[in-house]
Amino acid sequence: MLEVTQLECVRGDRRLFSDLSFALGPGELLQVRGPNGAGKTSLLRMLCGLMLPAHGEIRWNGSSIKELGENYYRDVTYLGHLPAVKDELTAEENLRISSGLDGIEIERQEAYAALKTMGLQGRETLSAKVLSAGQRRRVALGRLLVCGTALWVLDEPLTALDRSAAGLVQSLIAGHLEKGGVAVLTTHHDLHLQSRHLELGT
């Protein structure tokens, strides 16, 4: 269970949102909407513990994420708006290293299998700098296939993807929810998933 209570976000001299509260249980998806600058990315970063709220509390399974520390981070997979793929590394290396930074060690075969599912078969050993924007996004999204975490926090995960890849990502999210996972995401795309909605900047 993810619980947010009276959360407030201040950037510089601007209050982006305040008194924000919601709770998500197993199998629930929250889609965060709002215009640019409304605080969508800031909210997601707060949920991951990467940014502190000006006020309020975030709890995971009844405990403050501040108190849980590493025990919380092991339950979370965060994919930012940028794919965070290193140009000098291959697709396989990027996936294995990014997963390793999350504390998840995967073998070469697992990386190849994930990249195949993401439509990157035959490109595993290519340097990321020669991949298209959509292919780089697929490399980053490959983490969803190997992470095994309960909470997914995804910032614009469908950016740069074609219709087929966007459909695949939505299927991955649906499978995650069916297993009792929780997801929070932002997107400007239409989702074919049952979700709750949170409007910021209104």
N, C-alpha and C. Protein backbone atom coordinates (compact mmCIF):
# COMPACT_ATOMS: atom_id res chain seq x y z
N MET A 1 0.83 -1.19 0.00
CA MET A 1 0.00 0.00 0.00
C MET A 1 0.88 1.25 0.00
N LEU A 2 0.61 2.14 -0.94
CA LEU A 2 1.29 3.43 -1.02
C LEU A 2 0.33 4.51 -0.53
N GLU A 3 0.74 5.25 0.48
CA GLU A 3 -0.10 6.29 1.05
C GLU A 3 0.63 7.64 1.01
N VAL A 4 -0.05 8.63 0.47
CA VAL A 4 0.47 9.99 0.42
C VAL A 4 -0.47 10.88 1.21
N THR A 5 0.09 11.63 2.16
CA THR A 5 -0.75 12.43 3.05
C THR A 5 -0.29 13.88 3.07
N GLN A 6 -1.18 14.78 2.67
CA GLN A 6 -0.98 16.23 2.73
C GLN A 6 0.36 16.67 2.17
N LEU A 7 0.71 16.12 1.00
CA LEU A 7 2.00 16.42 0.39
C LEU A 7 2.00 17.83 -0.21
N GLU A 8 3.12 18.52 -0.03
CA GLU A 8 3.29 19.86 -0.59
C GLU A 8 4.62 19.94 -1.32
N CYS A 9 4.59 20.55 -2.50
CA CYS A 9 5.80 20.70 -3.30
C CYS A 9 6.06 22.17 -3.58
N VAL A 10 7.25 22.64 -3.22
CA VAL A 10 7.65 24.02 -3.47
C VAL A 10 8.95 24.00 -4.27
N ARG A 11 8.97 24.69 -5.38
CA ARG A 11 10.18 24.83 -6.20
C ARG A 11 10.50 26.30 -6.33
N GLY A 12 11.64 26.71 -5.75
CA GLY A 12 11.97 28.12 -5.75
C GLY A 12 10.97 28.89 -4.92
N ASP A 13 10.33 29.88 -5.54
CA ASP A 13 9.31 30.66 -4.84
C ASP A 13 7.90 30.25 -5.26
N ARG A 14 7.78 29.11 -5.91
CA ARG A 14 6.48 28.63 -6.39
C ARG A 14 6.02 27.41 -5.63
N ARG A 15 4.77 27.41 -5.24
CA ARG A 15 4.14 26.22 -4.67
C ARG A 15 3.42 25.50 -5.81
N LEU A 16 3.92 24.33 -6.16
CA LEU A 16 3.35 23.60 -7.30
C LEU A 16 2.06 22.88 -6.91
N PHE A 17 2.05 22.29 -5.73
CA PHE A 17 0.81 21.68 -5.21
C PHE A 17 0.92 21.58 -3.70
N SER A 18 -0.22 21.43 -3.06
CA SER A 18 -0.25 21.30 -1.61
C SER A 18 -1.46 20.47 -1.20
N ASP A 19 -1.42 19.97 0.04
CA ASP A 19 -2.52 19.19 0.60
C ASP A 19 -2.94 18.03 -0.32
N LEU A 20 -1.94 17.38 -0.90
CA LEU A 20 -2.18 16.28 -1.84
C LEU A 20 -2.17 14.95 -1.08
N SER A 21 -3.27 14.21 -1.18
CA SER A 21 -3.38 12.93 -0.48
C SER A 21 -4.02 11.88 -1.38
N PHE A 22 -3.50 10.67 -1.33
CA PHE A 22 -4.12 9.55 -2.03
C PHE A 22 -3.52 8.27 -1.48
N ALA A 23 -4.17 7.15 -1.78
CA ALA A 23 -3.68 5.83 -1.36
C ALA A 23 -3.91 4.85 -2.49
N LEU A 24 -2.93 3.99 -2.72
CA LEU A 24 -3.02 2.97 -3.76
C LEU A 24 -2.75 1.60 -3.14
N GLY A 25 -3.62 0.65 -3.45
CA GLY A 25 -3.44 -0.71 -2.98
C GLY A 25 -2.93 -1.62 -4.07
N PRO A 26 -2.74 -2.90 -3.78
CA PRO A 26 -2.26 -3.86 -4.78
C PRO A 26 -3.15 -3.87 -6.02
N GLY A 27 -2.51 -3.86 -7.17
CA GLY A 27 -3.23 -3.93 -8.43
C GLY A 27 -3.78 -2.60 -8.93
N GLU A 28 -3.39 -1.50 -8.27
CA GLU A 28 -3.92 -0.20 -8.68
C GLU A 28 -2.89 0.63 -9.44
N LEU A 29 -3.39 1.38 -10.42
CA LEU A 29 -2.58 2.27 -11.25
C LEU A 29 -3.10 3.69 -11.11
N LEU A 30 -2.19 4.63 -10.88
CA LEU A 30 -2.54 6.04 -10.82
C LEU A 30 -1.86 6.77 -11.96
N GLN A 31 -2.67 7.45 -12.77
CA GLN A 31 -2.14 8.26 -13.85
C GLN A 31 -2.17 9.73 -13.42
N VAL A 32 -1.00 10.34 -13.36
CA VAL A 32 -0.87 11.74 -12.94
C VAL A 32 -0.91 12.62 -14.18
N ARG A 33 -1.83 13.57 -14.18
CA ARG A 33 -2.01 14.45 -15.33
C ARG A 33 -1.82 15.91 -14.92
N GLY A 34 -1.64 16.75 -15.92
CA GLY A 34 -1.53 18.19 -15.64
C GLY A 34 -0.64 18.85 -16.68
N PRO A 35 -0.72 20.17 -16.78
CA PRO A 35 0.11 20.90 -17.74
C PRO A 35 1.58 20.88 -17.34
N ASN A 36 2.44 21.25 -18.28
CA ASN A 36 3.86 21.36 -17.97
C ASN A 36 4.06 22.32 -16.82
N GLY A 37 4.94 21.93 -15.89
CA GLY A 37 5.21 22.79 -14.75
C GLY A 37 4.27 22.62 -13.59
N ALA A 38 3.34 21.67 -13.68
CA ALA A 38 2.36 21.48 -12.60
C ALA A 38 2.93 20.66 -11.45
N GLY A 39 4.08 20.02 -11.66
CA GLY A 39 4.70 19.26 -10.59
C GLY A 39 4.61 17.75 -10.74
N LYS A 40 4.30 17.27 -11.94
CA LYS A 40 4.14 15.83 -12.15
C LYS A 40 5.45 15.08 -11.88
N THR A 41 6.52 15.53 -12.50
CA THR A 41 7.81 14.87 -12.30
C THR A 41 8.28 15.03 -10.86
N SER A 42 8.05 16.19 -10.27
CA SER A 42 8.44 16.40 -8.87
C SER A 42 7.72 15.41 -7.96
N LEU A 43 6.43 15.18 -8.21
CA LEU A 43 5.69 14.21 -7.41
C LEU A 43 6.29 12.83 -7.54
N LEU A 44 6.60 12.42 -8.76
CA LEU A 44 7.18 11.09 -8.96
C LEU A 44 8.52 10.97 -8.26
N ARG A 45 9.32 12.01 -8.31
CA ARG A 45 10.62 11.97 -7.64
C ARG A 45 10.46 11.89 -6.12
N MET A 46 9.42 12.55 -5.60
CA MET A 46 9.14 12.43 -4.17
C MET A 46 8.76 11.00 -3.81
N LEU A 47 7.95 10.37 -4.65
CA LEU A 47 7.52 9.00 -4.38
C LEU A 47 8.71 8.03 -4.35
N CYS A 48 9.78 8.39 -5.06
CA CYS A 48 10.97 7.54 -5.10
C CYS A 48 11.99 7.91 -4.04
N GLY A 49 11.71 8.95 -3.27
CA GLY A 49 12.67 9.39 -2.26
C GLY A 49 13.81 10.20 -2.82
N LEU A 50 13.68 10.65 -4.08
CA LEU A 50 14.74 11.44 -4.70
C LEU A 50 14.59 12.93 -4.43
N MET A 51 13.45 13.33 -3.89
CA MET A 51 13.17 14.73 -3.61
C MET A 51 12.30 14.80 -2.36
N LEU A 52 12.60 15.74 -1.48
CA LEU A 52 11.85 15.85 -0.24
C LEU A 52 10.66 16.81 -0.42
N PRO A 53 9.51 16.45 0.11
CA PRO A 53 8.37 17.37 0.07
C PRO A 53 8.58 18.50 1.07
N ALA A 54 7.95 19.65 0.79
CA ALA A 54 7.98 20.75 1.74
C ALA A 54 7.16 20.41 2.98
N HIS A 55 6.18 19.58 2.79
CA HIS A 55 5.31 19.17 3.89
C HIS A 55 4.64 17.85 3.49
N GLY A 56 4.23 17.09 4.47
CA GLY A 56 3.50 15.85 4.21
C GLY A 56 4.36 14.61 4.36
N GLU A 57 3.75 13.47 4.12
CA GLU A 57 4.41 12.19 4.35
C GLU A 57 4.03 11.17 3.29
N ILE A 58 4.98 10.31 2.98
CA ILE A 58 4.76 9.19 2.07
C ILE A 58 5.04 7.91 2.85
N ARG A 59 4.08 6.99 2.82
CA ARG A 59 4.21 5.74 3.57
C ARG A 59 4.06 4.55 2.61
N TRP A 60 4.82 3.51 2.90
CA TRP A 60 4.78 2.27 2.13
C TRP A 60 4.49 1.13 3.09
N ASN A 61 3.37 0.46 2.86
CA ASN A 61 2.93 -0.62 3.75
C ASN A 61 2.92 -0.20 5.21
N GLY A 62 2.46 1.03 5.43
CA GLY A 62 2.26 1.52 6.78
C GLY A 62 3.43 2.23 7.42
N SER A 63 4.60 2.23 6.78
CA SER A 63 5.78 2.87 7.36
C SER A 63 6.27 4.00 6.49
N SER A 64 6.80 5.04 7.11
CA SER A 64 7.35 6.17 6.38
C SER A 64 8.52 5.70 5.51
N ILE A 65 8.57 6.20 4.28
CA ILE A 65 9.68 5.80 3.41
C ILE A 65 11.01 6.32 3.93
N LYS A 66 10.99 7.39 4.72
CA LYS A 66 12.22 7.89 5.34
C LYS A 66 12.77 6.84 6.30
N GLU A 67 11.89 6.24 7.07
CA GLU A 67 12.31 5.24 8.04
C GLU A 67 12.73 3.94 7.36
N LEU A 68 12.06 3.60 6.28
CA LEU A 68 12.36 2.34 5.58
C LEU A 68 13.69 2.39 4.86
N GLY A 69 14.04 3.55 4.30
CA GLY A 69 15.31 3.70 3.61
C GLY A 69 15.51 2.68 2.50
N GLU A 70 16.61 1.93 2.57
CA GLU A 70 16.95 0.96 1.53
C GLU A 70 15.89 -0.12 1.37
N ASN A 71 15.20 -0.45 2.45
CA ASN A 71 14.15 -1.46 2.36
C ASN A 71 13.03 -1.00 1.43
N TYR A 72 12.81 0.31 1.37
CA TYR A 72 11.81 0.86 0.44
C TYR A 72 12.35 0.87 -0.99
N TYR A 73 13.58 1.36 -1.14
CA TYR A 73 14.13 1.50 -2.48
C TYR A 73 14.22 0.16 -3.21
N ARG A 74 14.38 -0.92 -2.45
CA ARG A 74 14.43 -2.24 -3.08
C ARG A 74 13.07 -2.64 -3.66
N ASP A 75 12.02 -1.98 -3.22
CA ASP A 75 10.67 -2.29 -3.71
C ASP A 75 10.24 -1.40 -4.87
N VAL A 76 11.10 -0.44 -5.25
CA VAL A 76 10.71 0.58 -6.23
C VAL A 76 11.56 0.51 -7.50
N THR A 77 10.90 0.62 -8.64
CA THR A 77 11.61 0.85 -9.90
C THR A 77 11.14 2.18 -10.46
N TYR A 78 12.09 3.08 -10.68
CA TYR A 78 11.79 4.41 -11.22
C TYR A 78 12.43 4.56 -12.59
N LEU A 79 11.62 4.95 -13.56
CA LEU A 79 12.12 5.27 -14.89
C LEU A 79 11.78 6.73 -15.16
N GLY A 80 12.81 7.55 -15.31
CA GLY A 80 12.61 8.97 -15.53
C GLY A 80 12.21 9.31 -16.95
N HIS A 81 11.97 10.59 -17.17
CA HIS A 81 11.55 11.06 -18.49
C HIS A 81 12.62 10.79 -19.54
N LEU A 82 13.89 10.95 -19.15
CA LEU A 82 15.00 10.62 -20.04
C LEU A 82 15.36 9.14 -19.84
N PRO A 83 15.74 8.44 -20.91
CA PRO A 83 15.99 7.00 -20.79
C PRO A 83 17.21 6.63 -19.95
N ALA A 84 18.13 7.59 -19.69
CA ALA A 84 19.31 7.33 -18.87
C ALA A 84 20.13 6.16 -19.41
N VAL A 85 20.32 6.15 -20.72
CA VAL A 85 21.11 5.12 -21.39
C VAL A 85 22.46 5.73 -21.77
N LYS A 86 23.53 5.04 -21.45
CA LYS A 86 24.88 5.54 -21.70
C LYS A 86 25.31 5.21 -23.13
N ASP A 87 25.71 6.25 -23.88
CA ASP A 87 26.07 6.08 -25.29
C ASP A 87 27.19 5.08 -25.52
N GLU A 88 28.18 5.07 -24.61
CA GLU A 88 29.37 4.25 -24.83
C GLU A 88 29.15 2.78 -24.50
N LEU A 89 28.02 2.44 -23.91
CA LEU A 89 27.73 1.07 -23.55
C LEU A 89 26.78 0.43 -24.56
N THR A 90 26.83 -0.90 -24.66
CA THR A 90 25.91 -1.61 -25.54
C THR A 90 24.53 -1.70 -24.87
N ALA A 91 23.56 -2.12 -25.64
CA ALA A 91 22.21 -2.29 -25.08
C ALA A 91 22.25 -3.28 -23.92
N GLU A 92 22.96 -4.40 -24.12
CA GLU A 92 23.06 -5.39 -23.04
C GLU A 92 23.74 -4.82 -21.81
N GLU A 93 24.85 -4.12 -22.00
CA GLU A 93 25.58 -3.55 -20.88
C GLU A 93 24.73 -2.52 -20.13
N ASN A 94 24.01 -1.70 -20.87
CA ASN A 94 23.15 -0.70 -20.24
C ASN A 94 22.11 -1.36 -19.35
N LEU A 95 21.48 -2.40 -19.86
CA LEU A 95 20.43 -3.06 -19.09
C LEU A 95 21.00 -3.75 -17.85
N ARG A 96 22.13 -4.43 -18.00
CA ARG A 96 22.71 -5.13 -16.87
C ARG A 96 23.24 -4.17 -15.81
N ILE A 97 23.86 -3.08 -16.24
CA ILE A 97 24.42 -2.12 -15.29
C ILE A 97 23.31 -1.34 -14.58
N SER A 98 22.30 -0.89 -15.33
CA SER A 98 21.21 -0.15 -14.68
C SER A 98 20.46 -1.04 -13.69
N SER A 99 20.30 -2.30 -14.04
CA SER A 99 19.66 -3.23 -13.11
C SER A 99 20.55 -3.46 -11.88
N GLY A 100 21.85 -3.57 -12.12
CA GLY A 100 22.79 -3.76 -11.02
C GLY A 100 22.78 -2.59 -10.04
N LEU A 101 22.62 -1.38 -10.57
CA LEU A 101 22.55 -0.20 -9.70
C LEU A 101 21.30 -0.24 -8.83
N ASP A 102 20.29 -0.97 -9.29
CA ASP A 102 19.07 -1.15 -8.49
C ASP A 102 19.19 -2.33 -7.53
N GLY A 103 20.37 -2.97 -7.54
CA GLY A 103 20.57 -4.11 -6.66
C GLY A 103 20.08 -5.42 -7.25
N ILE A 104 19.85 -5.44 -8.56
CA ILE A 104 19.34 -6.63 -9.23
C ILE A 104 20.38 -7.10 -10.24
N GLU A 105 21.05 -8.19 -9.94
CA GLU A 105 22.07 -8.72 -10.84
C GLU A 105 21.43 -9.69 -11.83
N ILE A 106 21.62 -9.44 -13.11
CA ILE A 106 21.06 -10.33 -14.13
C ILE A 106 22.19 -10.85 -15.02
N GLU A 107 22.02 -12.08 -15.47
CA GLU A 107 22.99 -12.70 -16.36
C GLU A 107 22.78 -12.23 -17.79
N ARG A 108 23.78 -12.52 -18.61
CA ARG A 108 23.71 -12.09 -20.01
C ARG A 108 22.48 -12.66 -20.70
N GLN A 109 22.17 -13.93 -20.41
CA GLN A 109 21.00 -14.55 -21.05
C GLN A 109 19.71 -13.84 -20.68
N GLU A 110 19.59 -13.41 -19.42
CA GLU A 110 18.40 -12.69 -18.99
C GLU A 110 18.29 -11.35 -19.69
N ALA A 111 19.43 -10.67 -19.84
CA ALA A 111 19.43 -9.39 -20.53
C ALA A 111 19.01 -9.57 -21.99
N TYR A 112 19.55 -10.61 -22.64
CA TYR A 112 19.21 -10.88 -24.04
C TYR A 112 17.72 -11.19 -24.18
N ALA A 113 17.18 -11.98 -23.24
CA ALA A 113 15.76 -12.33 -23.30
C ALA A 113 14.89 -11.10 -23.14
N ALA A 114 15.26 -10.21 -22.21
CA ALA A 114 14.49 -8.99 -21.99
C ALA A 114 14.55 -8.09 -23.22
N LEU A 115 15.73 -7.95 -23.80
CA LEU A 115 15.88 -7.10 -24.98
C LEU A 115 15.13 -7.68 -26.18
N LYS A 116 15.09 -9.00 -26.28
CA LYS A 116 14.30 -9.63 -27.34
C LYS A 116 12.83 -9.30 -27.18
N THR A 117 12.32 -9.41 -25.95
CA THR A 117 10.92 -9.08 -25.69
C THR A 117 10.63 -7.63 -26.06
N MET A 118 11.61 -6.76 -25.83
CA MET A 118 11.43 -5.34 -26.13
C MET A 118 11.65 -5.02 -27.60
N GLY A 119 11.84 -6.05 -28.42
CA GLY A 119 11.98 -5.83 -29.86
C GLY A 119 13.38 -5.43 -30.29
N LEU A 120 14.38 -5.80 -29.50
CA LEU A 120 15.76 -5.39 -29.81
C LEU A 120 16.67 -6.57 -30.13
N GLN A 121 16.08 -7.69 -30.53
CA GLN A 121 16.90 -8.84 -30.90
C GLN A 121 17.82 -8.46 -32.05
N GLY A 122 19.11 -8.83 -31.92
CA GLY A 122 20.10 -8.50 -32.94
C GLY A 122 20.79 -7.17 -32.69
N ARG A 123 20.31 -6.42 -31.70
CA ARG A 123 20.92 -5.12 -31.39
C ARG A 123 21.55 -5.12 -29.99
N GLU A 124 21.65 -6.30 -29.39
CA GLU A 124 22.14 -6.39 -28.01
C GLU A 124 23.55 -5.85 -27.83
N THR A 125 24.41 -6.04 -28.85
CA THR A 125 25.81 -5.64 -28.72
C THR A 125 26.12 -4.32 -29.43
N LEU A 126 25.08 -3.64 -29.89
CA LEU A 126 25.30 -2.35 -30.54
C LEU A 126 25.47 -1.26 -29.49
N SER A 127 26.36 -0.33 -29.77
CA SER A 127 26.52 0.82 -28.89
C SER A 127 25.22 1.61 -28.87
N ALA A 128 24.83 2.09 -27.70
CA ALA A 128 23.57 2.82 -27.57
C ALA A 128 23.54 4.07 -28.43
N LYS A 129 24.70 4.62 -28.75
CA LYS A 129 24.72 5.87 -29.52
C LYS A 129 24.23 5.68 -30.96
N VAL A 130 24.19 4.44 -31.44
CA VAL A 130 23.71 4.21 -32.81
C VAL A 130 22.24 3.81 -32.82
N LEU A 131 21.63 3.68 -31.65
CA LEU A 131 20.22 3.31 -31.56
C LEU A 131 19.34 4.55 -31.71
N SER A 132 18.13 4.34 -32.23
CA SER A 132 17.18 5.43 -32.34
C SER A 132 16.65 5.80 -30.97
N ALA A 133 15.94 6.92 -30.89
CA ALA A 133 15.36 7.35 -29.61
C ALA A 133 14.41 6.30 -29.07
N GLY A 134 13.61 5.71 -29.96
CA GLY A 134 12.67 4.68 -29.54
C GLY A 134 13.37 3.43 -29.05
N GLN A 135 14.46 3.05 -29.71
CA GLN A 135 15.21 1.87 -29.29
C GLN A 135 15.90 2.11 -27.95
N ARG A 136 16.40 3.31 -27.73
CA ARG A 136 17.02 3.64 -26.44
C ARG A 136 15.97 3.57 -25.33
N ARG A 137 14.77 4.04 -25.62
CA ARG A 137 13.69 3.95 -24.64
C ARG A 137 13.38 2.49 -24.34
N ARG A 138 13.40 1.63 -25.35
CA ARG A 138 13.13 0.20 -25.14
C ARG A 138 14.19 -0.44 -24.25
N VAL A 139 15.44 -0.02 -24.42
CA VAL A 139 16.51 -0.54 -23.55
C VAL A 139 16.20 -0.20 -22.10
N ALA A 140 15.84 1.06 -21.85
CA ALA A 140 15.53 1.48 -20.48
C ALA A 140 14.33 0.73 -19.93
N LEU A 141 13.32 0.54 -20.75
CA LEU A 141 12.10 -0.13 -20.30
C LEU A 141 12.32 -1.62 -20.07
N GLY A 142 13.40 -2.15 -20.62
CA GLY A 142 13.72 -3.55 -20.37
C GLY A 142 13.88 -3.86 -18.89
N ARG A 143 14.18 -2.84 -18.08
CA ARG A 143 14.30 -3.05 -16.63
C ARG A 143 13.00 -3.57 -16.03
N LEU A 144 11.87 -3.22 -16.63
CA LEU A 144 10.60 -3.67 -16.09
C LEU A 144 10.44 -5.18 -16.17
N LEU A 145 11.15 -5.80 -17.08
CA LEU A 145 11.06 -7.25 -17.26
C LEU A 145 11.90 -8.03 -16.26
N VAL A 146 12.85 -7.35 -15.63
CA VAL A 146 13.79 -8.07 -14.76
C VAL A 146 13.79 -7.56 -13.32
N CYS A 147 13.05 -6.48 -13.04
CA CYS A 147 13.19 -5.84 -11.73
C CYS A 147 12.52 -6.59 -10.58
N GLY A 148 11.32 -7.12 -10.81
CA GLY A 148 10.61 -7.85 -9.76
C GLY A 148 10.17 -6.99 -8.59
N THR A 149 10.09 -5.67 -8.76
CA THR A 149 9.71 -4.77 -7.68
C THR A 149 8.19 -4.60 -7.62
N ALA A 150 7.72 -4.16 -6.45
CA ALA A 150 6.27 -4.04 -6.23
C ALA A 150 5.70 -2.71 -6.71
N LEU A 151 6.53 -1.66 -6.71
CA LEU A 151 6.06 -0.32 -7.09
C LEU A 151 6.83 0.19 -8.29
N TRP A 152 6.10 0.50 -9.35
CA TRP A 152 6.70 1.10 -10.54
C TRP A 152 6.30 2.57 -10.61
N VAL A 153 7.29 3.44 -10.76
CA VAL A 153 7.05 4.87 -10.91
C VAL A 153 7.65 5.29 -12.25
N LEU A 154 6.79 5.64 -13.19
CA LEU A 154 7.21 5.80 -14.58
C LEU A 154 6.85 7.19 -15.10
N ASP A 155 7.86 7.94 -15.53
CA ASP A 155 7.66 9.29 -16.04
C ASP A 155 7.70 9.26 -17.56
N GLU A 156 6.53 9.42 -18.17
CA GLU A 156 6.40 9.41 -19.63
C GLU A 156 7.03 8.17 -20.27
N PRO A 157 6.63 6.97 -19.86
CA PRO A 157 7.28 5.76 -20.37
C PRO A 157 7.03 5.49 -21.85
N LEU A 158 6.00 6.11 -22.43
CA LEU A 158 5.66 5.82 -23.83
C LEU A 158 6.29 6.81 -24.81
N THR A 159 7.08 7.76 -24.31
CA THR A 159 7.73 8.74 -25.17
C THR A 159 8.64 8.06 -26.18
N ALA A 160 8.53 8.48 -27.45
CA ALA A 160 9.38 8.02 -28.56
C ALA A 160 9.07 6.60 -29.02
N LEU A 161 8.05 5.96 -28.45
CA LEU A 161 7.74 4.58 -28.84
C LEU A 161 6.71 4.56 -29.96
N ASP A 162 6.85 3.57 -30.86
CA ASP A 162 5.82 3.38 -31.88
C ASP A 162 4.63 2.65 -31.25
N ARG A 163 3.59 2.47 -32.04
CA ARG A 163 2.35 1.90 -31.50
C ARG A 163 2.57 0.51 -30.93
N SER A 164 3.37 -0.30 -31.61
CA SER A 164 3.62 -1.67 -31.16
C SER A 164 4.32 -1.68 -29.81
N ALA A 165 5.37 -0.88 -29.68
CA ALA A 165 6.11 -0.84 -28.43
C ALA A 165 5.28 -0.26 -27.30
N ALA A 166 4.47 0.76 -27.61
CA ALA A 166 3.59 1.35 -26.60
C ALA A 166 2.60 0.31 -26.09
N GLY A 167 2.09 -0.51 -27.00
CA GLY A 167 1.17 -1.57 -26.61
C GLY A 167 1.85 -2.60 -25.73
N LEU A 168 3.11 -2.92 -26.04
CA LEU A 168 3.87 -3.87 -25.24
C LEU A 168 4.08 -3.35 -23.82
N VAL A 169 4.43 -2.08 -23.71
CA VAL A 169 4.66 -1.50 -22.38
C VAL A 169 3.37 -1.52 -21.56
N GLN A 170 2.27 -1.21 -22.20
CA GLN A 170 1.00 -1.25 -21.48
C GLN A 170 0.66 -2.67 -21.03
N SER A 171 1.04 -3.66 -21.84
CA SER A 171 0.83 -5.06 -21.45
C SER A 171 1.69 -5.42 -20.24
N LEU A 172 2.92 -4.89 -20.21
CA LEU A 172 3.80 -5.15 -19.07
C LEU A 172 3.22 -4.54 -17.79
N ILE A 173 2.68 -3.34 -17.92
CA ILE A 173 2.07 -2.69 -16.76
C ILE A 173 0.84 -3.48 -16.31
N ALA A 174 0.03 -3.92 -17.26
CA ALA A 174 -1.15 -4.71 -16.92
C ALA A 174 -0.76 -5.99 -16.19
N GLY A 175 0.29 -6.66 -16.66
CA GLY A 175 0.76 -7.88 -16.00
C GLY A 175 1.25 -7.60 -14.59
N HIS A 176 1.93 -6.49 -14.43
CA HIS A 176 2.41 -6.08 -13.11
C HIS A 176 1.25 -5.88 -12.14
N LEU A 177 0.20 -5.23 -12.62
CA LEU A 177 -0.97 -4.97 -11.77
C LEU A 177 -1.70 -6.27 -11.43
N GLU A 178 -1.78 -7.16 -12.40
CA GLU A 178 -2.46 -8.44 -12.17
C GLU A 178 -1.76 -9.26 -11.09
N LYS A 179 -0.46 -9.06 -10.94
CA LYS A 179 0.31 -9.76 -9.91
C LYS A 179 0.25 -9.05 -8.56
N GLY A 180 -0.53 -7.99 -8.47
CA GLY A 180 -0.64 -7.26 -7.22
C GLY A 180 0.30 -6.10 -7.07
N GLY A 181 0.98 -5.74 -8.16
CA GLY A 181 1.88 -4.60 -8.13
C GLY A 181 1.12 -3.27 -8.13
N VAL A 182 1.84 -2.21 -7.86
CA VAL A 182 1.29 -0.86 -7.84
C VAL A 182 2.08 -0.03 -8.84
N ALA A 183 1.42 0.90 -9.54
CA ALA A 183 2.11 1.73 -10.51
C ALA A 183 1.58 3.16 -10.47
N VAL A 184 2.50 4.09 -10.63
CA VAL A 184 2.17 5.51 -10.78
C VAL A 184 2.91 5.99 -12.01
N LEU A 185 2.22 6.67 -12.91
CA LEU A 185 2.88 7.13 -14.12
C LEU A 185 2.30 8.44 -14.62
N THR A 186 3.10 9.10 -15.44
CA THR A 186 2.64 10.26 -16.21
C THR A 186 2.74 9.89 -17.68
N THR A 187 1.83 10.39 -18.48
CA THR A 187 1.89 10.19 -19.92
C THR A 187 0.90 11.12 -20.61
N HIS A 188 1.28 11.55 -21.80
CA HIS A 188 0.38 12.34 -22.62
C HIS A 188 -0.37 11.45 -23.61
N HIS A 189 -0.11 10.14 -23.55
CA HIS A 189 -0.75 9.19 -24.45
C HIS A 189 -2.01 8.62 -23.80
N ASP A 190 -2.90 8.15 -24.64
CA ASP A 190 -4.09 7.46 -24.14
C ASP A 190 -3.70 6.06 -23.69
N LEU A 191 -4.13 5.69 -22.51
CA LEU A 191 -3.84 4.36 -21.98
C LEU A 191 -5.07 3.47 -22.11
N HIS A 192 -4.82 2.21 -22.48
CA HIS A 192 -5.90 1.23 -22.55
C HIS A 192 -5.84 0.36 -21.29
N LEU A 193 -5.75 1.04 -20.15
CA LEU A 193 -5.65 0.38 -18.86
C LEU A 193 -6.62 1.04 -17.89
N GLN A 194 -7.18 0.22 -17.01
CA GLN A 194 -8.03 0.79 -15.97
C GLN A 194 -7.13 1.50 -14.97
N SER A 195 -7.42 2.77 -14.72
CA SER A 195 -6.56 3.54 -13.83
C SER A 195 -7.35 4.63 -13.11
N ARG A 196 -6.78 5.08 -12.02
CA ARG A 196 -7.29 6.26 -11.34
C ARG A 196 -6.50 7.46 -11.87
N HIS A 197 -7.08 8.64 -11.71
CA HIS A 197 -6.45 9.84 -12.26
C HIS A 197 -6.26 10.90 -11.20
N LEU A 198 -5.14 11.57 -11.28
CA LEU A 198 -4.83 12.69 -10.39
C LEU A 198 -4.47 13.88 -11.26
N GLU A 199 -5.22 14.96 -11.13
CA GLU A 199 -4.99 16.16 -11.91
C GLU A 199 -4.23 17.18 -11.06
N LEU A 200 -3.07 17.62 -11.56
CA LEU A 200 -2.30 18.66 -10.91
C LEU A 200 -2.44 19.96 -11.70
N GLY A 201 -2.31 21.07 -11.03
CA GLY A 201 -2.36 22.36 -11.70
C GLY A 201 -3.75 22.81 -12.10
N THR A 202 -4.78 22.24 -11.43
CA THR A 202 -6.14 22.63 -11.75
C THR A 202 -6.75 23.46 -10.63
